[in-house]
Amino acid sequence: MTVLVFGTFDVIHKGHIDFFRQAREFGDCLAIVVAKDENAKKIGKKVKNGEQKRLADVRQYADLAFLGHADDYFKIIEEVKPDVICLGYDQHDRNLQNELRKRNLKIKVVRLKPFNPEKYHSSLLNK
């Protein structure tokens, strides 16, 4: 079973590592999608590292690692065809469920538990 996770993953920390560990519990292949620089900026993230560096940094935790698509956030889901999508405790599924239904994708969506969010959250660590 393939598990897909998304994120900016700028400066990998213990919270990210625990997120990857939890996600692995739902399958035997972990696919990590790293947000493109332009998409990170669109949602208000200030990244220290560029997308290629962030992609390289997650490879050690992933069976598969990709950059997301700039124009269609859901295209990578159609390409990877995961069995499960794991969301971090702080990720919004906004219209994820609706978009999956619209595209006729039957994928389980799971929200993972936080790992010391008062200490290991990128917005705190990247100040």
N, C-alpha and C. Protein backbone atom coordinates (compact mmCIF):
# COMPACT_ATOMS: atom_id res chain seq x y z
N MET A 1 0.84 -1.19 0.00
CA MET A 1 0.00 0.00 0.00
C MET A 1 0.88 1.24 0.00
N THR A 2 0.50 2.18 -0.82
CA THR A 2 1.25 3.44 -0.93
C THR A 2 0.58 4.52 -0.09
N VAL A 3 1.39 5.20 0.69
CA VAL A 3 0.94 6.29 1.55
C VAL A 3 1.55 7.58 1.01
N LEU A 4 0.73 8.60 0.87
CA LEU A 4 1.19 9.89 0.34
C LEU A 4 1.07 10.96 1.40
N VAL A 5 2.13 11.76 1.54
CA VAL A 5 2.11 12.92 2.43
C VAL A 5 2.58 14.14 1.65
N PHE A 6 2.12 15.30 2.08
CA PHE A 6 2.46 16.57 1.44
C PHE A 6 3.04 17.51 2.48
N GLY A 7 3.87 18.42 2.02
CA GLY A 7 4.34 19.46 2.92
C GLY A 7 5.42 20.31 2.30
N THR A 8 5.79 21.35 3.02
CA THR A 8 6.88 22.22 2.59
C THR A 8 8.20 21.58 3.02
N PHE A 9 8.24 21.05 4.23
CA PHE A 9 9.40 20.35 4.78
C PHE A 9 10.68 21.18 4.68
N ASP A 10 10.58 22.41 5.12
CA ASP A 10 11.73 23.32 5.13
C ASP A 10 12.45 23.15 6.46
N VAL A 11 13.66 22.68 6.41
CA VAL A 11 14.47 22.35 7.58
C VAL A 11 13.79 21.20 8.35
N ILE A 12 14.16 19.99 8.00
CA ILE A 12 13.58 18.79 8.61
C ILE A 12 13.87 18.79 10.11
N HIS A 13 12.82 18.53 10.91
CA HIS A 13 12.97 18.48 12.36
C HIS A 13 12.28 17.23 12.90
N LYS A 14 12.35 17.03 14.21
CA LYS A 14 11.80 15.81 14.83
C LYS A 14 10.31 15.65 14.57
N GLY A 15 9.59 16.75 14.47
CA GLY A 15 8.16 16.67 14.16
C GLY A 15 7.92 16.07 12.78
N HIS A 16 8.73 16.47 11.79
CA HIS A 16 8.62 15.90 10.45
C HIS A 16 8.96 14.41 10.47
N ILE A 17 10.04 14.08 11.17
CA ILE A 17 10.48 12.68 11.21
C ILE A 17 9.40 11.81 11.85
N ASP A 18 8.76 12.29 12.89
CA ASP A 18 7.67 11.53 13.51
C ASP A 18 6.47 11.44 12.56
N PHE A 19 6.20 12.49 11.83
CA PHE A 19 5.13 12.50 10.83
C PHE A 19 5.38 11.40 9.79
N PHE A 20 6.61 11.31 9.29
CA PHE A 20 6.94 10.27 8.31
C PHE A 20 6.81 8.88 8.93
N ARG A 21 7.24 8.73 10.19
CA ARG A 21 7.14 7.44 10.88
C ARG A 21 5.69 7.01 11.02
N GLN A 22 4.84 7.95 11.46
CA GLN A 22 3.42 7.63 11.61
C GLN A 22 2.80 7.25 10.27
N ALA A 23 3.14 7.99 9.24
CA ALA A 23 2.57 7.72 7.91
C ALA A 23 2.96 6.32 7.43
N ARG A 24 4.19 5.92 7.69
CA ARG A 24 4.67 4.59 7.27
C ARG A 24 3.84 3.46 7.88
N GLU A 25 3.22 3.72 9.01
CA GLU A 25 2.41 2.69 9.65
C GLU A 25 1.18 2.32 8.82
N PHE A 26 0.83 3.14 7.85
CA PHE A 26 -0.36 2.89 7.03
C PHE A 26 -0.05 2.20 5.71
N GLY A 27 1.20 1.90 5.44
CA GLY A 27 1.54 1.22 4.19
C GLY A 27 3.00 0.85 4.13
N ASP A 28 3.39 0.27 3.01
CA ASP A 28 4.78 -0.17 2.86
C ASP A 28 5.59 0.69 1.90
N CYS A 29 4.96 1.68 1.31
CA CYS A 29 5.65 2.61 0.41
C CYS A 29 5.25 4.04 0.78
N LEU A 30 6.22 4.82 1.22
CA LEU A 30 5.95 6.21 1.60
C LEU A 30 6.36 7.14 0.47
N ALA A 31 5.40 7.86 -0.06
CA ALA A 31 5.64 8.86 -1.10
C ALA A 31 5.49 10.24 -0.46
N ILE A 32 6.53 11.06 -0.59
CA ILE A 32 6.52 12.40 -0.01
C ILE A 32 6.49 13.42 -1.14
N VAL A 33 5.52 14.33 -1.06
CA VAL A 33 5.41 15.42 -2.04
C VAL A 33 5.84 16.71 -1.36
N VAL A 34 6.83 17.36 -1.95
CA VAL A 34 7.37 18.62 -1.44
C VAL A 34 6.76 19.77 -2.24
N ALA A 35 6.27 20.76 -1.53
CA ALA A 35 5.65 21.92 -2.19
C ALA A 35 6.68 22.70 -3.00
N LYS A 36 6.29 23.08 -4.20
CA LYS A 36 7.14 23.94 -5.01
C LYS A 36 7.27 25.29 -4.32
N ASP A 37 8.38 25.97 -4.57
CA ASP A 37 8.62 27.28 -3.95
C ASP A 37 7.45 28.22 -4.19
N GLU A 38 6.98 28.29 -5.43
CA GLU A 38 5.90 29.23 -5.75
C GLU A 38 4.61 28.90 -5.01
N ASN A 39 4.34 27.62 -4.79
CA ASN A 39 3.13 27.24 -4.05
C ASN A 39 3.28 27.53 -2.56
N ALA A 40 4.48 27.33 -2.03
CA ALA A 40 4.72 27.65 -0.62
C ALA A 40 4.48 29.14 -0.39
N LYS A 41 4.96 29.96 -1.31
CA LYS A 41 4.77 31.41 -1.18
C LYS A 41 3.29 31.79 -1.27
N LYS A 42 2.55 31.10 -2.14
CA LYS A 42 1.11 31.39 -2.31
C LYS A 42 0.34 31.21 -1.00
N ILE A 43 0.78 30.26 -0.18
CA ILE A 43 0.07 30.02 1.08
C ILE A 43 0.74 30.72 2.25
N GLY A 44 1.67 31.62 1.95
CA GLY A 44 2.26 32.46 2.99
C GLY A 44 3.46 31.89 3.71
N LYS A 45 4.03 30.81 3.18
CA LYS A 45 5.22 30.22 3.82
C LYS A 45 6.46 30.95 3.34
N LYS A 46 7.35 31.23 4.27
CA LYS A 46 8.66 31.80 3.94
C LYS A 46 9.67 30.68 4.10
N VAL A 47 10.17 30.16 2.99
CA VAL A 47 11.09 29.03 3.05
C VAL A 47 12.54 29.49 3.06
N LYS A 48 13.34 28.79 3.86
CA LYS A 48 14.78 29.07 3.91
C LYS A 48 15.50 28.35 2.79
N ASN A 49 15.01 27.16 2.47
CA ASN A 49 15.66 26.32 1.46
C ASN A 49 14.78 26.21 0.23
N GLY A 50 15.42 26.18 -0.92
CA GLY A 50 14.69 26.03 -2.18
C GLY A 50 14.12 24.63 -2.33
N GLU A 51 13.23 24.49 -3.29
CA GLU A 51 12.51 23.22 -3.48
C GLU A 51 13.44 22.04 -3.75
N GLN A 52 14.52 22.24 -4.50
CA GLN A 52 15.42 21.12 -4.79
C GLN A 52 16.14 20.64 -3.53
N LYS A 53 16.54 21.56 -2.68
CA LYS A 53 17.19 21.19 -1.41
C LYS A 53 16.19 20.48 -0.50
N ARG A 54 14.98 21.00 -0.42
CA ARG A 54 13.96 20.37 0.43
C ARG A 54 13.62 18.98 -0.08
N LEU A 55 13.57 18.82 -1.41
CA LEU A 55 13.30 17.51 -2.00
C LEU A 55 14.43 16.54 -1.66
N ALA A 56 15.67 16.99 -1.79
CA ALA A 56 16.82 16.14 -1.46
C ALA A 56 16.79 15.74 0.02
N ASP A 57 16.39 16.65 0.88
CA ASP A 57 16.37 16.38 2.32
C ASP A 57 15.35 15.32 2.72
N VAL A 58 14.23 15.22 2.01
CA VAL A 58 13.21 14.23 2.39
C VAL A 58 13.50 12.85 1.81
N ARG A 59 14.36 12.76 0.82
CA ARG A 59 14.61 11.47 0.15
C ARG A 59 15.01 10.36 1.10
N GLN A 60 15.75 10.68 2.16
CA GLN A 60 16.20 9.63 3.08
C GLN A 60 15.04 9.01 3.86
N TYR A 61 13.91 9.68 3.91
CA TYR A 61 12.75 9.18 4.65
C TYR A 61 11.70 8.56 3.74
N ALA A 62 11.87 8.71 2.42
CA ALA A 62 10.84 8.34 1.46
C ALA A 62 11.26 7.16 0.60
N ASP A 63 10.26 6.41 0.16
CA ASP A 63 10.50 5.44 -0.91
C ASP A 63 10.40 6.15 -2.25
N LEU A 64 9.53 7.14 -2.30
CA LEU A 64 9.35 7.98 -3.49
C LEU A 64 9.27 9.42 -3.02
N ALA A 65 9.88 10.33 -3.77
CA ALA A 65 9.80 11.76 -3.41
C ALA A 65 9.61 12.57 -4.68
N PHE A 66 8.71 13.54 -4.61
CA PHE A 66 8.35 14.34 -5.78
C PHE A 66 8.19 15.80 -5.38
N LEU A 67 8.33 16.66 -6.38
CA LEU A 67 7.88 18.04 -6.22
C LEU A 67 6.42 18.06 -6.65
N GLY A 68 5.63 18.85 -5.97
CA GLY A 68 4.23 19.01 -6.37
C GLY A 68 4.15 19.77 -7.69
N HIS A 69 2.97 19.83 -8.24
CA HIS A 69 2.73 20.59 -9.46
C HIS A 69 2.33 22.01 -9.10
N ALA A 70 2.80 22.94 -9.88
CA ALA A 70 2.51 24.36 -9.60
C ALA A 70 1.06 24.71 -9.84
N ASP A 71 0.47 24.14 -10.86
CA ASP A 71 -0.86 24.57 -11.29
C ASP A 71 -2.01 23.71 -10.77
N ASP A 72 -1.74 22.46 -10.41
CA ASP A 72 -2.81 21.55 -9.99
C ASP A 72 -2.30 20.71 -8.82
N TYR A 73 -2.71 21.10 -7.63
CA TYR A 73 -2.26 20.40 -6.42
C TYR A 73 -2.65 18.92 -6.42
N PHE A 74 -3.70 18.57 -7.13
CA PHE A 74 -4.23 17.21 -7.07
C PHE A 74 -3.69 16.30 -8.17
N LYS A 75 -2.97 16.86 -9.12
CA LYS A 75 -2.45 16.06 -10.23
C LYS A 75 -1.50 14.97 -9.73
N ILE A 76 -0.68 15.29 -8.75
CA ILE A 76 0.27 14.32 -8.22
C ILE A 76 -0.46 13.14 -7.58
N ILE A 77 -1.63 13.37 -7.01
CA ILE A 77 -2.42 12.29 -6.42
C ILE A 77 -2.87 11.34 -7.53
N GLU A 78 -3.31 11.89 -8.65
CA GLU A 78 -3.71 11.06 -9.79
C GLU A 78 -2.53 10.27 -10.35
N GLU A 79 -1.35 10.85 -10.31
CA GLU A 79 -0.16 10.18 -10.84
C GLU A 79 0.33 9.07 -9.91
N VAL A 80 0.38 9.34 -8.63
CA VAL A 80 0.91 8.36 -7.66
C VAL A 80 -0.12 7.28 -7.34
N LYS A 81 -1.39 7.66 -7.33
CA LYS A 81 -2.48 6.74 -7.01
C LYS A 81 -2.27 6.06 -5.64
N PRO A 82 -2.15 6.86 -4.59
CA PRO A 82 -1.93 6.26 -3.26
C PRO A 82 -3.18 5.58 -2.73
N ASP A 83 -2.96 4.69 -1.79
CA ASP A 83 -4.08 4.05 -1.10
C ASP A 83 -4.54 4.91 0.07
N VAL A 84 -3.58 5.65 0.65
CA VAL A 84 -3.85 6.47 1.82
C VAL A 84 -3.14 7.81 1.66
N ILE A 85 -3.80 8.88 2.09
CA ILE A 85 -3.17 10.19 2.21
C ILE A 85 -3.17 10.52 3.70
N CYS A 86 -1.98 10.81 4.22
CA CYS A 86 -1.88 11.20 5.63
C CYS A 86 -1.66 12.71 5.71
N LEU A 87 -2.44 13.34 6.57
CA LEU A 87 -2.32 14.78 6.80
C LEU A 87 -1.72 15.01 8.18
N GLY A 88 -0.93 16.04 8.29
CA GLY A 88 -0.42 16.44 9.60
C GLY A 88 -1.53 17.06 10.41
N TYR A 89 -1.32 17.12 11.71
CA TYR A 89 -2.34 17.67 12.61
C TYR A 89 -2.69 19.11 12.25
N ASP A 90 -1.75 19.81 11.63
CA ASP A 90 -1.96 21.23 11.32
C ASP A 90 -2.27 21.49 9.85
N GLN A 91 -2.45 20.43 9.08
CA GLN A 91 -2.79 20.60 7.67
C GLN A 91 -4.30 20.60 7.50
N HIS A 92 -4.77 21.51 6.70
CA HIS A 92 -6.21 21.61 6.44
C HIS A 92 -6.54 20.76 5.22
N ASP A 93 -7.63 20.02 5.32
CA ASP A 93 -8.02 19.24 4.15
C ASP A 93 -8.91 20.06 3.22
N ARG A 94 -9.10 21.32 3.57
CA ARG A 94 -9.90 22.27 2.79
C ARG A 94 -10.89 21.56 1.89
N ASN A 95 -10.51 21.35 0.68
CA ASN A 95 -11.46 20.70 -0.22
C ASN A 95 -10.94 19.35 -0.70
N LEU A 96 -10.04 18.73 0.07
CA LEU A 96 -9.45 17.46 -0.34
C LEU A 96 -10.49 16.39 -0.60
N GLN A 97 -11.38 16.16 0.36
CA GLN A 97 -12.39 15.11 0.20
C GLN A 97 -13.27 15.37 -1.02
N ASN A 98 -13.70 16.62 -1.18
CA ASN A 98 -14.55 16.96 -2.33
C ASN A 98 -13.82 16.75 -3.65
N GLU A 99 -12.56 17.15 -3.70
CA GLU A 99 -11.79 17.00 -4.93
C GLU A 99 -11.53 15.53 -5.25
N LEU A 100 -11.28 14.72 -4.23
CA LEU A 100 -11.09 13.29 -4.45
C LEU A 100 -12.36 12.67 -5.04
N ARG A 101 -13.51 13.06 -4.48
CA ARG A 101 -14.79 12.55 -5.01
C ARG A 101 -15.01 13.00 -6.45
N LYS A 102 -14.74 14.27 -6.71
CA LYS A 102 -14.94 14.83 -8.05
C LYS A 102 -14.09 14.09 -9.09
N ARG A 103 -12.89 13.70 -8.68
CA ARG A 103 -11.98 13.01 -9.60
C ARG A 103 -12.13 11.49 -9.53
N ASN A 104 -13.15 11.05 -8.79
CA ASN A 104 -13.45 9.63 -8.64
C ASN A 104 -12.26 8.84 -8.09
N LEU A 105 -11.59 9.42 -7.09
CA LEU A 105 -10.46 8.77 -6.45
C LEU A 105 -10.91 8.29 -5.07
N LYS A 106 -10.82 7.00 -4.87
CA LYS A 106 -11.23 6.40 -3.60
C LYS A 106 -9.97 6.18 -2.76
N ILE A 107 -9.63 7.18 -1.99
CA ILE A 107 -8.41 7.17 -1.20
C ILE A 107 -8.76 7.50 0.25
N LYS A 108 -8.26 6.68 1.15
CA LYS A 108 -8.48 6.92 2.58
C LYS A 108 -7.65 8.13 3.01
N VAL A 109 -8.24 9.02 3.79
CA VAL A 109 -7.53 10.19 4.31
C VAL A 109 -7.47 10.07 5.83
N VAL A 110 -6.26 10.19 6.37
CA VAL A 110 -6.03 10.01 7.80
C VAL A 110 -5.31 11.24 8.34
N ARG A 111 -5.74 11.72 9.48
CA ARG A 111 -5.04 12.83 10.15
C ARG A 111 -4.13 12.23 11.22
N LEU A 112 -2.85 12.58 11.18
CA LEU A 112 -1.87 12.04 12.12
C LEU A 112 -1.79 12.90 13.37
N LYS A 113 -1.21 12.33 14.41
CA LYS A 113 -1.11 13.01 15.70
C LYS A 113 0.09 13.95 15.73
N PRO A 114 0.00 15.01 16.51
CA PRO A 114 1.14 15.93 16.63
C PRO A 114 2.26 15.32 17.47
N PHE A 115 3.46 15.81 17.23
CA PHE A 115 4.62 15.42 18.02
C PHE A 115 5.16 16.68 18.68
N ASN A 116 4.84 16.87 19.94
CA ASN A 116 5.28 18.06 20.68
C ASN A 116 5.13 19.34 19.85
N PRO A 117 3.91 19.68 19.44
CA PRO A 117 3.72 20.82 18.54
C PRO A 117 4.14 22.16 19.13
N GLU A 118 4.17 22.24 20.45
CA GLU A 118 4.60 23.49 21.09
C GLU A 118 6.10 23.70 20.93
N LYS A 119 6.82 22.63 20.53
CA LYS A 119 8.27 22.72 20.37
C LYS A 119 8.70 22.47 18.92
N TYR A 120 8.09 21.47 18.28
CA TYR A 120 8.50 21.08 16.93
C TYR A 120 7.45 21.44 15.91
N HIS A 121 7.37 22.69 15.60
CA HIS A 121 6.49 23.18 14.53
C HIS A 121 7.34 24.13 13.71
N SER A 122 7.30 23.97 12.40
CA SER A 122 8.18 24.77 11.54
C SER A 122 8.05 26.26 11.78
N SER A 123 6.84 26.73 12.04
CA SER A 123 6.66 28.18 12.24
C SER A 123 7.40 28.66 13.49
N LEU A 124 7.61 27.77 14.46
CA LEU A 124 8.37 28.14 15.66
C LEU A 124 9.87 28.00 15.42
N LEU A 125 10.25 26.94 14.72
CA LEU A 125 11.67 26.65 14.52
C LEU A 125 12.32 27.54 13.48
N ASN A 126 11.54 28.06 12.55
CA ASN A 126 12.10 28.85 11.46
C ASN A 126 12.09 30.35 11.72
N LYS A 127 11.92 30.75 12.96
CA LYS A 127 11.92 32.19 13.30
C LYS A 127 13.33 32.73 13.29
